[in-house]
Amino acid sequence: MAENAEGDLNSNLLHTPYHTGDPQLDTAIGQWLRWDKNPKTKEQIENLLRNGMNKELRDRLCCRMTFGTAGLRSALAKLTAAVLLAKDVPVYLFSRYVPTPFVPYAVQELKAVAGVMITASHNRKEDNGYKVYWENGAQITSPHDKEILKCIEECVEPWNGSWNDNLVDTSPLTRDPLQDICRRYMEDLKKICFYRELNSKTTLKFVHTSFHGVGHDYVQLAFQVFGFKPPIPVPEQKDPDPDFSTVKCPNPEEGESVLELSLRLAEKENARIVLATDPDADRLAVAELQENGDWKVFTGNELAALFGWWMFDCWKKNKSTNADVKNIYMLATTVSSKILKAIALKEGFHFEETLPGFKWIGSRIKDLLENGKEVLFAFEESIGFLCGTSVLDKDGVSAAVVIAEMASYLETMNITLKQQLIKVYEKYGYHISKTSYFLCYEPTTIKSIFERLRNFDSPKEYPKFCGTFAILHVRDITTGYDSSQPNKKSVLPVSKNSQMITFTFQNGCVATLRTSGTEPKIKYYAEMCASPDRNDTALLEEELKKLIEALIEHFLEPSRNGLTWRCV
């Protein structure tokens, strides 16, 4: 009887017009219930409608998702393959979970026209990421992202056959590239291995956590390629688990609080280095045990200083006689540390900045390679690293084994990673950075915060001071303004769909405020870029701390705007 009543209600939902008071929503509900063949998502919409939750329905049905800094995100790989196979498009579909970098790598190796990665990444467990790669092996940038969204708008009703995920098992157009791509990837790793014999003899022990994701098997294989003994896995986090059952947040960037299990295992096993790949294995966190028994969890910017030094040092020691340093490039996103810029200025190679998001780095690397340049390293501060250019996206697997080789090399000279980081800063200048964020769920509030900065003391005037700190230059990527340029136009591309303003201060600090491309956050990035002769770190840190306090108080105004401080 209950089943029949439920059936009658569902039938009514399908055939009666909806009167929510919003014609657009009524139409969207009708379309969704006609088209959706997924019983779970269909039931969700029916329950929301039954309970009169119009705002939730509007959020789900009346807004198109857009591509952020790293793709689409929402609360699906066989379905994607089925859509393509239904139109007789040949598909390479991995038969098991693989690290995200394997897809852009496979796009290039297999000469595919595009690649799609469905990934949990470090998102909330309710959300999946949907990353799209173009034929160049880099994530899509404009205009491709806008053209894809335009095509979606022009064809909103699913094609016949789109829901038939049995096609992936029966179609002759489906092939599994897993073994071939894994073999090629591991072979290419040898290009960035410089001390294999030393690695095989090291006394260092490493603990690796894959954060309930896909990294375990591939990090184990990478260590084997480099000549290492296998890293010690964290058993509770070794295998894929969509519930991320041992961590509140599956993001190794959050630091020591989410590395608890791996740090305790390392202490038990007498391992000095902990390596943590995020669930889709494209990012890497590193912790090192210090002499006083504390753990040092390196920031993305600190690791980049080490990677930058290492990759250039290895290039110098292994370069051919006719190699030209002026042909060498390193890249970073504009919100990341300027340490590579300092190293480049002293060593004579080129450094370039891109907009936030590895899609911009990947595309630029492809351009440089096509023009005969050599790119050694690229990074973004959110622990995303790329050593070499076999993959045109961040890669936690290769980064993990490279940092292991670096640590093993330094161990032969009784130098720790932290000690080497200090040596890098002493030579090229201390770069002390701090990154955090505020949560803000109201788009109108976010917009008003940034519009106030563009009209600070008077209309169309940016602030000249932040508290007592004098501002030297302002760059606004949203509008394309840059006061440091002769024509006042930003060298980096304009990004109208996101908010980002960078302030360069007279004391050498650079601070950026920006919205997240994928989450309801206002992020701030601040860095004190000191010359090598300014080595009083306590003084530099205190000045940076005071500037950040001023930035928050005068520019973000969290109390007035109802912002929530980052919660780990």
Protein backbone atom coordinates (compact mmCIF):
# COMPACT_ATOMS: atom_id res chain seq x y z
CA MET A 1 0.00 0.00 0.00
CA ALA A 2 2.80 2.43 0.89
CA GLU A 3 4.56 1.49 -2.32
CA ASN A 4 1.43 2.20 -4.35
CA ALA A 5 0.92 5.54 -2.62
CA GLU A 6 4.52 6.46 -3.37
CA GLY A 7 4.00 5.39 -6.98
CA ASP A 8 0.91 7.58 -7.28
CA LEU A 9 2.76 10.57 -5.86
CA ASN A 10 5.63 10.07 -8.30
CA SER A 11 3.15 9.84 -11.13
CA ASN A 12 1.54 13.11 -10.06
CA LEU A 13 4.96 14.77 -9.85
CA LEU A 14 5.66 13.74 -13.40
CA HIS A 15 2.41 14.88 -14.96
CA THR A 16 1.18 17.92 -13.06
CA PRO A 17 2.50 21.45 -13.67
CA TYR A 18 4.55 22.84 -10.79
CA HIS A 19 3.50 25.96 -8.97
CA THR A 20 6.50 27.04 -6.96
CA GLY A 21 5.88 30.68 -7.82
CA ASP A 22 8.95 30.71 -10.08
CA PRO A 23 8.18 29.89 -13.75
CA GLN A 24 11.85 29.22 -14.54
CA LEU A 25 12.05 26.75 -11.66
CA ASP A 26 8.78 25.07 -12.65
CA THR A 27 10.12 24.50 -16.17
CA ALA A 28 13.47 23.22 -14.90
CA ILE A 29 11.77 20.72 -12.55
CA GLY A 30 9.65 19.37 -15.38
CA GLN A 31 12.63 18.97 -17.70
CA TRP A 32 14.78 17.27 -15.07
CA LEU A 33 12.15 14.72 -14.08
CA ARG A 34 11.53 13.89 -17.75
CA TRP A 35 15.22 13.47 -18.62
CA ASP A 36 16.87 12.04 -15.51
CA LYS A 37 17.38 8.26 -15.73
CA ASN A 38 19.38 8.08 -12.49
CA PRO A 39 16.98 6.90 -9.74
CA LYS A 40 19.13 8.39 -6.94
CA THR A 41 19.32 11.95 -8.31
CA LYS A 42 15.71 11.80 -9.50
CA GLU A 43 14.57 10.84 -6.01
CA GLN A 44 16.55 13.74 -4.53
CA ILE A 45 14.70 16.24 -6.74
CA GLU A 46 11.33 14.63 -5.95
CA ASN A 47 12.03 14.82 -2.20
CA LEU A 48 13.03 18.48 -2.41
CA LEU A 49 9.88 19.26 -4.38
CA ARG A 50 7.74 17.32 -1.93
CA ASN A 51 9.19 19.31 0.99
CA GLY A 52 8.88 22.70 -0.71
CA MET A 53 12.64 23.37 -0.66
CA ASN A 54 12.58 25.83 -3.54
CA LYS A 55 15.92 27.50 -2.84
CA GLU A 56 17.71 24.18 -2.90
CA LEU A 57 15.90 23.25 -6.12
CA ARG A 58 16.83 26.59 -7.67
CA ASP A 59 20.50 26.15 -6.72
CA ARG A 60 20.55 22.71 -8.34
CA LEU A 61 18.43 23.25 -11.44
CA CYS A 62 18.53 26.90 -12.46
CA CYS A 63 22.30 27.53 -12.58
CA ARG A 64 24.84 26.04 -14.96
CA MET A 65 28.11 24.88 -13.46
CA THR A 66 31.14 26.65 -14.88
CA PHE A 67 34.78 25.65 -15.24
CA GLY A 68 36.84 26.94 -12.31
CA THR A 69 40.62 26.96 -11.88
CA ALA A 70 40.67 23.18 -12.19
CA GLY A 71 37.43 22.13 -13.89
CA LEU A 72 33.83 21.53 -12.94
CA ARG A 73 32.88 20.36 -9.47
CA SER A 74 29.60 18.91 -8.26
CA ALA A 75 27.85 16.32 -5.72
CA LEU A 76 30.32 9.84 -13.10
CA ALA A 77 33.42 8.17 -15.77
CA LYS A 78 31.25 5.44 -17.38
CA LEU A 79 28.52 7.94 -18.23
CA THR A 80 31.02 10.25 -19.90
CA ALA A 81 32.34 7.35 -21.96
CA ALA A 82 28.78 6.24 -22.83
CA VAL A 83 27.91 9.68 -24.22
CA LEU A 84 30.92 9.51 -26.57
CA LEU A 85 30.41 5.88 -27.55
CA ALA A 86 26.76 6.59 -28.36
CA LYS A 87 28.07 8.91 -31.09
CA ASP A 88 30.65 6.33 -32.31
CA VAL A 89 33.64 8.16 -30.82
CA PRO A 90 36.49 5.78 -29.85
CA VAL A 91 37.27 5.93 -26.13
CA TYR A 92 40.26 4.92 -24.01
CA LEU A 93 38.77 4.09 -20.61
CA PHE A 94 41.08 3.14 -17.73
CA SER A 95 39.88 -0.11 -16.17
CA ARG A 96 40.73 1.03 -12.64
CA TYR A 97 41.44 4.15 -10.61
CA VAL A 98 44.51 6.06 -11.75
CA PRO A 99 46.21 9.29 -10.62
CA THR A 100 44.87 12.41 -12.32
CA PRO A 101 48.24 13.05 -14.09
CA PHE A 102 47.80 9.79 -16.02
CA VAL A 103 44.97 11.32 -18.09
CA PRO A 104 46.88 14.36 -19.49
CA TYR A 105 49.88 12.06 -19.96
CA ALA A 106 47.71 9.58 -21.91
CA VAL A 107 46.18 12.36 -24.05
CA GLN A 108 49.64 13.20 -25.38
CA GLU A 109 50.95 9.64 -25.60
CA LEU A 110 47.87 8.28 -27.38
CA LYS A 111 47.37 11.42 -29.49
CA ALA A 112 43.78 11.80 -28.27
CA VAL A 113 41.75 14.93 -29.07
CA ALA A 114 40.68 15.39 -25.43
CA GLY A 115 40.70 13.80 -22.00
CA VAL A 116 38.26 13.73 -19.09
CA MET A 117 39.14 12.93 -15.49
CA ILE A 118 36.41 12.23 -12.93
CA THR A 119 38.06 12.80 -9.60
CA ALA A 120 37.35 13.14 -5.91
CA SER A 121 40.56 15.16 -5.59
CA HIS A 122 40.60 16.94 -2.22
CA ASN A 123 36.95 18.00 -2.55
CA ARG A 124 34.29 17.31 0.04
CA LYS A 125 33.29 13.63 -0.13
CA GLU A 126 29.90 14.71 -1.57
CA ASP A 127 31.55 16.26 -4.64
CA ASN A 128 33.36 14.96 -7.70
CA GLY A 129 35.64 16.96 -9.94
CA TYR A 130 35.28 16.81 -13.75
CA LYS A 131 38.52 17.89 -15.40
CA VAL A 132 38.77 18.35 -19.16
CA TYR A 133 42.07 18.26 -21.06
CA TRP A 134 42.57 19.48 -24.62
CA GLU A 135 44.60 17.69 -27.29
CA ASN A 136 47.77 19.45 -26.11
CA GLY A 137 47.58 17.53 -22.80
CA ALA A 138 46.85 20.64 -20.71
CA GLN A 139 43.60 21.51 -18.95
CA ILE A 140 41.27 23.60 -21.06
CA THR A 141 41.53 27.38 -20.93
CA SER A 142 39.57 30.08 -22.69
CA PRO A 143 38.08 29.97 -25.30
CA HIS A 144 37.61 26.19 -25.14
CA ASP A 145 35.88 26.26 -21.73
CA LYS A 146 33.39 28.88 -22.92
CA GLU A 147 32.75 27.02 -26.18
CA ILE A 148 32.03 23.79 -24.29
CA LEU A 149 29.55 25.57 -22.01
CA LYS A 150 27.96 27.16 -25.09
CA CYS A 151 27.51 23.70 -26.64
CA ILE A 152 25.89 22.47 -23.42
CA GLU A 153 23.40 25.37 -23.51
CA GLU A 154 22.57 24.56 -27.14
CA CYS A 155 21.85 20.89 -26.40
CA VAL A 156 20.43 20.55 -22.89
CA GLU A 157 18.38 17.38 -23.48
CA PRO A 158 20.49 14.21 -23.11
CA TRP A 159 21.02 12.20 -26.32
CA ASN A 160 19.46 8.77 -26.71
CA GLY A 161 21.98 6.26 -25.47
CA SER A 162 23.65 8.68 -23.04
CA TRP A 163 22.45 6.67 -20.05
CA ASN A 164 23.51 3.31 -21.46
CA ASP A 165 26.72 2.75 -19.52
CA ASN A 166 26.67 -0.91 -20.65
CA LEU A 167 28.19 0.42 -23.86
CA VAL A 168 31.60 0.67 -22.20
CA ASP A 169 31.62 -3.10 -21.70
CA THR A 170 30.24 -4.07 -25.10
CA SER A 171 31.43 -1.47 -27.61
CA PRO A 172 34.40 -2.40 -29.86
CA LEU A 173 35.35 1.30 -29.70
CA THR A 174 36.42 1.00 -26.03
CA ARG A 175 40.04 0.23 -25.17
CA ASP A 176 41.84 0.00 -21.82
CA PRO A 177 45.15 1.93 -21.86
CA LEU A 178 46.11 1.13 -18.25
CA GLN A 179 49.09 -1.20 -18.68
CA ASP A 180 50.57 0.65 -21.64
CA ILE A 181 50.28 4.12 -20.08
CA CYS A 182 51.58 2.97 -16.69
CA ARG A 183 54.63 1.38 -18.38
CA ARG A 184 55.35 4.49 -20.48
CA TYR A 185 54.85 6.85 -17.52
CA MET A 186 57.26 4.90 -15.32
CA GLU A 187 59.81 4.79 -18.13
CA ASP A 188 59.59 8.58 -18.57
CA LEU A 189 60.18 9.04 -14.83
CA LYS A 190 63.77 7.97 -15.42
CA LYS A 191 64.39 11.33 -17.15
CA ILE A 192 64.23 13.10 -13.77
CA CYS A 193 66.14 10.46 -11.77
CA PHE A 194 69.78 11.47 -11.25
CA TYR A 195 71.08 9.38 -8.31
CA ARG A 196 69.60 5.89 -8.69
CA GLU A 197 72.61 4.09 -7.23
CA LEU A 198 72.67 6.41 -4.22
CA ASN A 199 68.90 5.89 -3.76
CA SER A 200 69.38 2.11 -3.58
CA LYS A 201 71.83 2.50 -0.69
CA THR A 202 70.09 5.18 1.37
CA THR A 203 69.40 4.55 5.04
CA LEU A 204 66.48 6.98 4.99
CA LYS A 205 63.01 5.52 5.51
CA PHE A 206 59.86 7.09 4.06
CA VAL A 207 56.21 6.83 5.05
CA HIS A 208 53.60 7.45 2.35
CA THR A 209 49.89 8.09 2.77
CA SER A 210 47.55 8.15 -0.21
CA PHE A 211 44.69 9.71 1.81
CA HIS A 212 42.14 7.03 0.89
CA GLY A 213 42.87 7.74 -2.76
CA VAL A 214 44.59 6.22 -5.78
CA GLY A 215 48.26 7.03 -5.14
CA HIS A 216 49.51 3.93 -3.30
CA ASP A 217 50.32 1.53 -6.14
CA TYR A 218 51.80 4.21 -8.37
CA VAL A 219 54.04 5.77 -5.71
CA GLN A 220 55.29 2.28 -4.90
CA LEU A 221 56.14 1.73 -8.59
CA ALA A 222 57.81 5.16 -8.86
CA PHE A 223 60.06 4.39 -5.87
CA GLN A 224 61.02 1.13 -7.56
CA VAL A 225 61.95 3.00 -10.77
CA PHE A 226 64.22 5.33 -8.75
CA GLY A 227 65.94 2.39 -7.06
CA PHE A 228 64.43 2.91 -3.60
CA LYS A 229 63.08 0.35 -1.19
CA PRO A 230 59.26 0.71 -1.05
CA PRO A 231 57.92 3.52 1.16
CA ILE A 232 55.97 2.39 4.21
CA PRO A 233 52.24 2.82 3.53
CA VAL A 234 49.71 4.02 6.10
CA PRO A 235 47.48 0.90 6.16
CA GLU A 236 44.28 2.70 7.21
CA GLN A 237 44.60 5.16 4.28
CA LYS A 238 46.20 2.93 1.63
CA ASP A 239 43.13 1.89 -0.37
CA PRO A 240 40.48 4.01 -2.13
CA ASP A 241 37.64 4.93 0.22
CA PRO A 242 34.98 7.37 -1.00
CA ASP A 243 34.02 8.19 2.60
CA PHE A 244 37.57 9.28 3.56
CA SER A 245 36.82 7.53 6.83
CA THR A 246 39.94 8.50 8.85
CA VAL A 247 40.13 12.22 8.00
CA LYS A 248 37.70 15.09 8.40
CA CYS A 249 39.14 16.75 5.31
CA PRO A 250 41.06 14.72 2.68
CA ASN A 251 43.36 17.61 1.88
CA PRO A 252 47.02 17.17 2.88
CA GLU A 253 47.46 20.93 2.47
CA GLU A 254 45.69 21.36 5.81
CA GLY A 255 48.90 20.27 7.56
CA GLU A 256 49.73 18.35 10.70
CA SER A 257 46.13 17.92 11.85
CA VAL A 258 45.25 15.69 8.87
CA LEU A 259 48.64 13.91 8.82
CA GLU A 260 48.18 12.42 12.29
CA LEU A 261 48.16 8.74 11.29
CA SER A 262 51.18 9.03 9.01
CA LEU A 263 53.24 11.00 11.55
CA ARG A 264 52.55 8.47 14.30
CA LEU A 265 53.45 5.58 11.96
CA ALA A 266 56.68 7.34 10.96
CA GLU A 267 57.68 7.73 14.61
CA LYS A 268 56.97 4.05 15.20
CA GLU A 269 58.96 2.98 12.11
CA ASN A 270 61.81 5.45 12.73
CA ALA A 271 61.11 7.13 9.38
CA ARG A 272 62.20 10.77 9.07
CA ILE A 273 60.20 11.78 5.99
CA VAL A 274 56.43 11.61 5.44
CA LEU A 275 55.01 11.96 1.93
CA ALA A 276 51.27 12.56 1.46
CA THR A 277 49.57 12.52 -1.92
CA ASP A 278 46.01 13.85 -2.07
CA PRO A 279 43.22 11.43 -3.11
CA ASP A 280 43.75 11.84 -6.87
CA ALA A 281 47.55 11.92 -6.44
CA ASP A 282 48.24 15.17 -8.25
CA ARG A 283 49.43 17.10 -5.19
CA LEU A 284 52.04 16.40 -2.52
CA ALA A 285 52.59 17.35 1.11
CA VAL A 286 55.89 16.65 2.89
CA ALA A 287 56.78 16.50 6.59
CA GLU A 288 60.23 15.99 8.14
CA LEU A 289 61.10 14.99 11.70
CA GLN A 290 63.36 17.54 13.36
CA GLU A 291 66.10 16.94 15.94
CA ASN A 292 63.90 18.26 18.75
CA GLY A 293 61.21 15.66 17.97
CA ASP A 294 58.81 18.09 16.29
CA TRP A 295 57.54 17.63 12.75
CA LYS A 296 58.13 20.29 10.12
CA VAL A 297 55.28 20.31 7.58
CA PHE A 298 56.53 22.26 4.58
CA THR A 299 54.29 24.73 2.80
CA GLY A 300 53.85 24.56 -0.95
CA ASN A 301 56.05 27.63 -1.34
CA GLU A 302 58.82 26.13 0.80
CA LEU A 303 58.76 22.89 -1.16
CA ALA A 304 58.93 24.92 -4.39
CA ALA A 305 62.13 26.60 -3.16
CA LEU A 306 63.63 23.14 -2.63
CA PHE A 307 62.36 21.75 -5.95
CA GLY A 308 63.57 24.85 -7.83
CA TRP A 309 67.06 24.59 -6.32
CA TRP A 310 67.18 20.82 -6.92
CA MET A 311 65.99 20.77 -10.54
CA PHE A 312 68.40 23.56 -11.53
CA ASP A 313 71.29 21.98 -9.63
CA CYS A 314 70.67 18.64 -11.37
CA TRP A 315 70.43 20.38 -14.75
CA LYS A 316 73.77 22.15 -14.17
CA LYS A 317 75.52 18.91 -13.19
CA ASN A 318 74.10 16.90 -16.10
CA LYS A 319 73.81 19.46 -18.91
CA SER A 320 75.50 19.00 -22.26
CA THR A 321 78.46 21.24 -23.11
CA ASN A 322 76.44 23.40 -25.51
CA ALA A 323 73.40 23.82 -23.23
CA ASP A 324 72.39 27.45 -22.71
CA VAL A 325 70.96 28.59 -19.38
CA LYS A 326 68.98 31.25 -21.26
CA ASN A 327 66.95 28.43 -22.81
CA ILE A 328 65.80 27.23 -19.38
CA TYR A 329 62.42 28.19 -17.86
CA MET A 330 60.59 27.76 -14.57
CA LEU A 331 56.97 28.81 -13.99
CA ALA A 332 54.63 29.57 -11.11
CA THR A 333 51.14 30.92 -10.67
CA THR A 334 50.98 34.58 -9.73
CA VAL A 335 49.71 33.91 -6.19
CA SER A 336 52.64 31.61 -5.47
CA SER A 337 56.03 32.48 -3.96
CA LYS A 338 58.44 34.64 -5.97
CA ILE A 339 61.38 32.46 -4.88
CA LEU A 340 61.83 31.01 -8.38
CA LYS A 341 62.07 34.57 -9.70
CA ALA A 342 64.89 35.28 -7.24
CA ILE A 343 66.73 32.08 -8.22
CA ALA A 344 66.26 32.86 -11.94
CA LEU A 345 67.64 36.39 -11.57
CA LYS A 346 70.79 35.09 -9.89
CA GLU A 347 71.33 32.00 -12.09
CA GLY A 348 70.39 33.49 -15.46
CA PHE A 349 67.40 31.38 -16.52
CA HIS A 350 63.86 32.61 -17.27
CA PHE A 351 60.96 32.75 -14.85
CA GLU A 352 57.33 33.36 -15.85
CA GLU A 353 54.07 33.83 -13.96
CA THR A 354 50.63 32.64 -15.01
CA LEU A 355 47.10 33.12 -13.73
CA PRO A 356 46.08 30.81 -10.83
CA GLY A 357 45.33 27.25 -11.90
CA PHE A 358 47.63 24.66 -13.43
CA LYS A 359 45.71 24.85 -16.71
CA TRP A 360 47.54 28.11 -17.45
CA ILE A 361 50.91 26.59 -16.56
CA GLY A 362 50.28 23.53 -18.74
CA SER A 363 49.29 25.61 -21.75
CA ARG A 364 52.28 27.92 -21.39
CA ILE A 365 54.71 25.00 -21.02
CA LYS A 366 53.34 23.51 -24.26
CA ASP A 367 54.00 26.83 -26.04
CA LEU A 368 57.54 27.02 -24.67
CA LEU A 369 58.34 23.42 -25.67
CA GLU A 370 57.06 24.03 -29.18
CA ASN A 371 59.47 26.97 -29.40
CA GLY A 372 62.47 24.85 -28.42
CA LYS A 373 62.66 25.91 -24.75
CA GLU A 374 63.33 23.61 -21.79
CA VAL A 375 61.12 23.78 -18.70
CA LEU A 376 62.62 22.27 -15.55
CA PHE A 377 59.96 22.93 -12.94
CA ALA A 378 56.59 24.61 -12.35
CA PHE A 379 54.35 24.94 -9.31
CA GLU A 380 51.37 26.48 -7.57
CA GLU A 381 51.45 27.25 -3.86
CA SER A 382 48.64 24.81 -3.05
CA ILE A 383 51.20 21.95 -3.08
CA GLY A 384 50.94 21.37 -6.83
CA PHE A 385 54.30 20.56 -8.48
CA LEU A 386 55.57 19.53 -11.90
CA CYS A 387 59.14 18.25 -12.30
CA GLY A 388 60.07 17.88 -15.95
CA THR A 389 57.51 18.04 -18.75
CA SER A 390 56.31 14.47 -19.38
CA VAL A 391 52.96 15.55 -17.93
CA LEU A 392 51.48 19.02 -18.47
CA ASP A 393 49.69 19.11 -15.13
CA LYS A 394 50.68 18.91 -11.48
CA ASP A 395 51.84 15.45 -10.47
CA GLY A 396 52.10 14.16 -6.92
CA VAL A 397 53.57 10.80 -7.91
CA SER A 398 56.68 12.18 -9.61
CA ALA A 399 57.02 14.95 -7.00
CA ALA A 400 57.02 12.35 -4.18
CA VAL A 401 59.88 10.34 -5.63
CA VAL A 402 61.89 13.44 -6.60
CA ILE A 403 61.70 14.80 -3.04
CA ALA A 404 62.77 11.37 -1.79
CA GLU A 405 65.83 11.45 -4.04
CA MET A 406 66.61 14.99 -2.89
CA ALA A 407 66.39 13.95 0.77
CA SER A 408 68.60 10.90 0.15
CA TYR A 409 71.23 13.03 -1.62
CA LEU A 410 71.24 15.58 1.21
CA GLU A 411 71.45 12.80 3.81
CA THR A 412 74.88 11.81 2.43
CA MET A 413 76.07 15.27 3.55
CA ASN A 414 74.13 15.17 6.86
CA ILE A 415 71.82 17.95 5.65
CA THR A 416 68.07 17.85 6.29
CA LEU A 417 65.43 19.28 3.97
CA LYS A 418 64.80 22.13 6.41
CA GLN A 419 68.52 22.94 6.61
CA GLN A 420 68.75 22.98 2.81
CA LEU A 421 65.72 25.28 2.64
CA ILE A 422 67.57 27.76 4.86
CA LYS A 423 70.62 27.51 2.58
CA VAL A 424 68.41 28.35 -0.43
CA TYR A 425 66.95 31.37 1.36
CA GLU A 426 70.38 32.56 2.52
CA LYS A 427 71.64 32.46 -1.06
CA TYR A 428 68.62 33.89 -2.89
CA GLY A 429 66.79 35.85 -0.21
CA TYR A 430 64.23 34.89 2.40
CA HIS A 431 60.70 34.50 1.04
CA ILE A 432 58.30 34.19 3.96
CA SER A 433 54.70 33.62 2.97
CA LYS A 434 51.32 33.10 4.58
CA THR A 435 48.19 31.87 2.84
CA SER A 436 44.74 31.42 4.32
CA TYR A 437 41.10 32.07 3.55
CA PHE A 438 37.72 33.21 4.78
CA LEU A 439 34.47 31.43 3.93
CA CYS A 440 31.76 33.57 2.37
CA TYR A 441 28.57 32.04 0.99
CA GLU A 442 27.05 35.30 -0.32
CA PRO A 443 28.25 36.27 -3.83
CA THR A 444 26.92 39.82 -3.37
CA THR A 445 29.10 40.27 -0.28
CA ILE A 446 32.17 39.04 -2.12
CA LYS A 447 31.50 41.43 -5.00
CA SER A 448 30.99 44.40 -2.67
CA ILE A 449 34.31 43.72 -0.89
CA PHE A 450 36.24 43.90 -4.16
CA GLU A 451 34.23 46.82 -5.57
CA ARG A 452 35.04 48.79 -2.42
CA LEU A 453 38.75 48.24 -3.08
CA ARG A 454 38.32 49.61 -6.62
CA ASN A 455 36.59 52.69 -5.25
CA PHE A 456 38.40 53.07 -1.96
CA ASP A 457 38.88 56.75 -1.13
CA SER A 458 37.04 58.02 -4.16
CA PRO A 459 35.47 56.54 -7.33
CA LYS A 460 37.87 54.46 -9.47
CA GLU A 461 40.71 54.94 -6.98
CA TYR A 462 42.50 51.99 -5.41
CA PRO A 463 43.87 52.31 -1.86
CA LYS A 464 47.27 53.99 -1.43
CA PHE A 465 47.77 52.60 2.07
CA CYS A 466 46.67 49.53 4.00
CA GLY A 467 46.73 50.82 7.55
CA THR A 468 50.25 52.22 7.90
CA PHE A 469 51.69 50.20 5.00
CA ALA A 470 52.27 52.18 1.80
CA ILE A 471 51.18 50.55 -1.47
CA LEU A 472 53.58 50.84 -4.41
CA HIS A 473 51.56 49.11 -7.15
CA VAL A 474 48.10 47.61 -7.70
CA ARG A 475 47.19 44.96 -10.25
CA ASP A 476 43.55 44.00 -10.82
CA ILE A 477 43.21 40.88 -12.99
CA THR A 478 39.41 41.23 -13.02
CA THR A 479 39.52 44.59 -14.79
CA GLY A 480 42.91 44.29 -16.50
CA TYR A 481 44.49 47.23 -14.63
CA ASP A 482 48.14 47.30 -13.54
CA SER A 483 49.64 50.51 -12.17
CA SER A 484 53.19 49.18 -12.62
CA GLN A 485 52.89 49.00 -16.40
CA PRO A 486 53.46 52.09 -18.61
CA ASN A 487 50.08 51.60 -20.31
CA LYS A 488 48.41 50.63 -17.00
CA LYS A 489 47.29 47.31 -18.52
CA SER A 490 47.93 43.90 -16.95
CA VAL A 491 50.39 41.61 -18.74
CA LEU A 492 48.44 38.58 -17.49
CA PRO A 493 45.11 37.87 -19.23
CA VAL A 494 41.97 39.53 -17.90
CA SER A 495 39.76 37.14 -15.91
CA LYS A 496 36.39 38.88 -15.61
CA ASN A 497 34.59 35.93 -14.03
CA SER A 498 36.72 35.92 -10.88
CA GLN A 499 37.95 38.53 -8.42
CA MET A 500 41.68 39.04 -7.95
CA ILE A 501 43.63 42.11 -6.83
CA THR A 502 47.37 42.15 -6.03
CA PHE A 503 49.05 44.84 -3.92
CA THR A 504 52.82 45.39 -3.99
CA PHE A 505 53.98 47.25 -0.88
CA GLN A 506 56.98 49.53 -0.44
CA ASN A 507 58.45 47.19 2.19
CA GLY A 508 58.84 44.36 -0.35
CA CYS A 509 55.68 42.48 0.53
CA VAL A 510 53.28 41.26 -2.16
CA ALA A 511 49.68 40.43 -1.17
CA THR A 512 46.84 39.07 -3.29
CA LEU A 513 43.14 38.81 -2.49
CA ARG A 514 41.14 36.49 -4.74
CA THR A 515 38.04 34.38 -4.86
CA SER A 516 38.34 30.62 -5.25
CA GLY A 517 37.46 29.20 -8.65
CA THR A 518 35.75 26.21 -7.06
CA GLU A 519 34.79 26.99 -3.46
CA PRO A 520 32.96 29.74 -1.48
CA LYS A 521 36.21 31.31 -0.27
CA ILE A 522 38.05 34.61 -0.28
CA LYS A 523 41.71 33.66 -0.23
CA TYR A 524 44.64 35.83 0.73
CA TYR A 525 48.27 35.28 -0.19
CA ALA A 526 50.98 37.41 1.36
CA GLU A 527 54.74 37.11 0.99
CA MET A 528 57.70 39.07 2.26
CA CYS A 529 60.31 38.97 -0.51
CA ALA A 530 63.63 39.97 1.05
CA SER A 531 67.03 40.43 -0.53
CA PRO A 532 69.83 38.07 0.70
CA ASP A 533 71.25 40.78 3.00
CA ARG A 534 67.99 40.94 5.01
CA ASN A 535 68.29 37.75 7.05
CA ASP A 536 66.62 38.60 10.35
CA THR A 537 63.74 36.15 9.93
CA ALA A 538 62.03 37.12 13.20
CA LEU A 539 61.85 40.75 12.03
CA LEU A 540 60.59 39.75 8.56
CA GLU A 541 57.95 37.44 10.03
CA GLU A 542 56.73 40.11 12.45
CA GLU A 543 56.40 42.67 9.67
CA LEU A 544 54.48 40.19 7.50
CA LYS A 545 52.18 39.33 10.41
CA LYS A 546 51.34 43.00 11.00
CA LEU A 547 50.70 43.58 7.30
CA ILE A 548 48.31 40.61 7.11
CA GLU A 549 46.44 41.90 10.17
CA ALA A 550 46.08 45.25 8.43
CA LEU A 551 44.97 43.57 5.20
CA ILE A 552 42.23 41.68 7.02
CA GLU A 553 41.10 44.63 9.14
CA HIS A 554 41.06 47.33 6.46
CA PHE A 555 40.34 45.43 3.23
CA LEU A 556 38.31 42.32 4.15
CA GLU A 557 36.49 43.59 7.28
CA PRO A 558 35.38 40.08 8.40
CA SER A 559 33.05 41.22 11.22
CA ARG A 560 31.22 43.71 9.01
CA ASN A 561 30.97 41.28 6.11
CA GLY A 562 30.13 38.14 8.08
CA LEU A 563 33.20 36.20 6.95
CA THR A 564 34.16 32.92 8.64
CA TRP A 565 37.85 32.33 9.39
CA ARG A 566 39.47 29.23 7.94
CA CYS A 567 38.72 26.21 10.14
CA VAL A 568 41.06 23.22 10.03
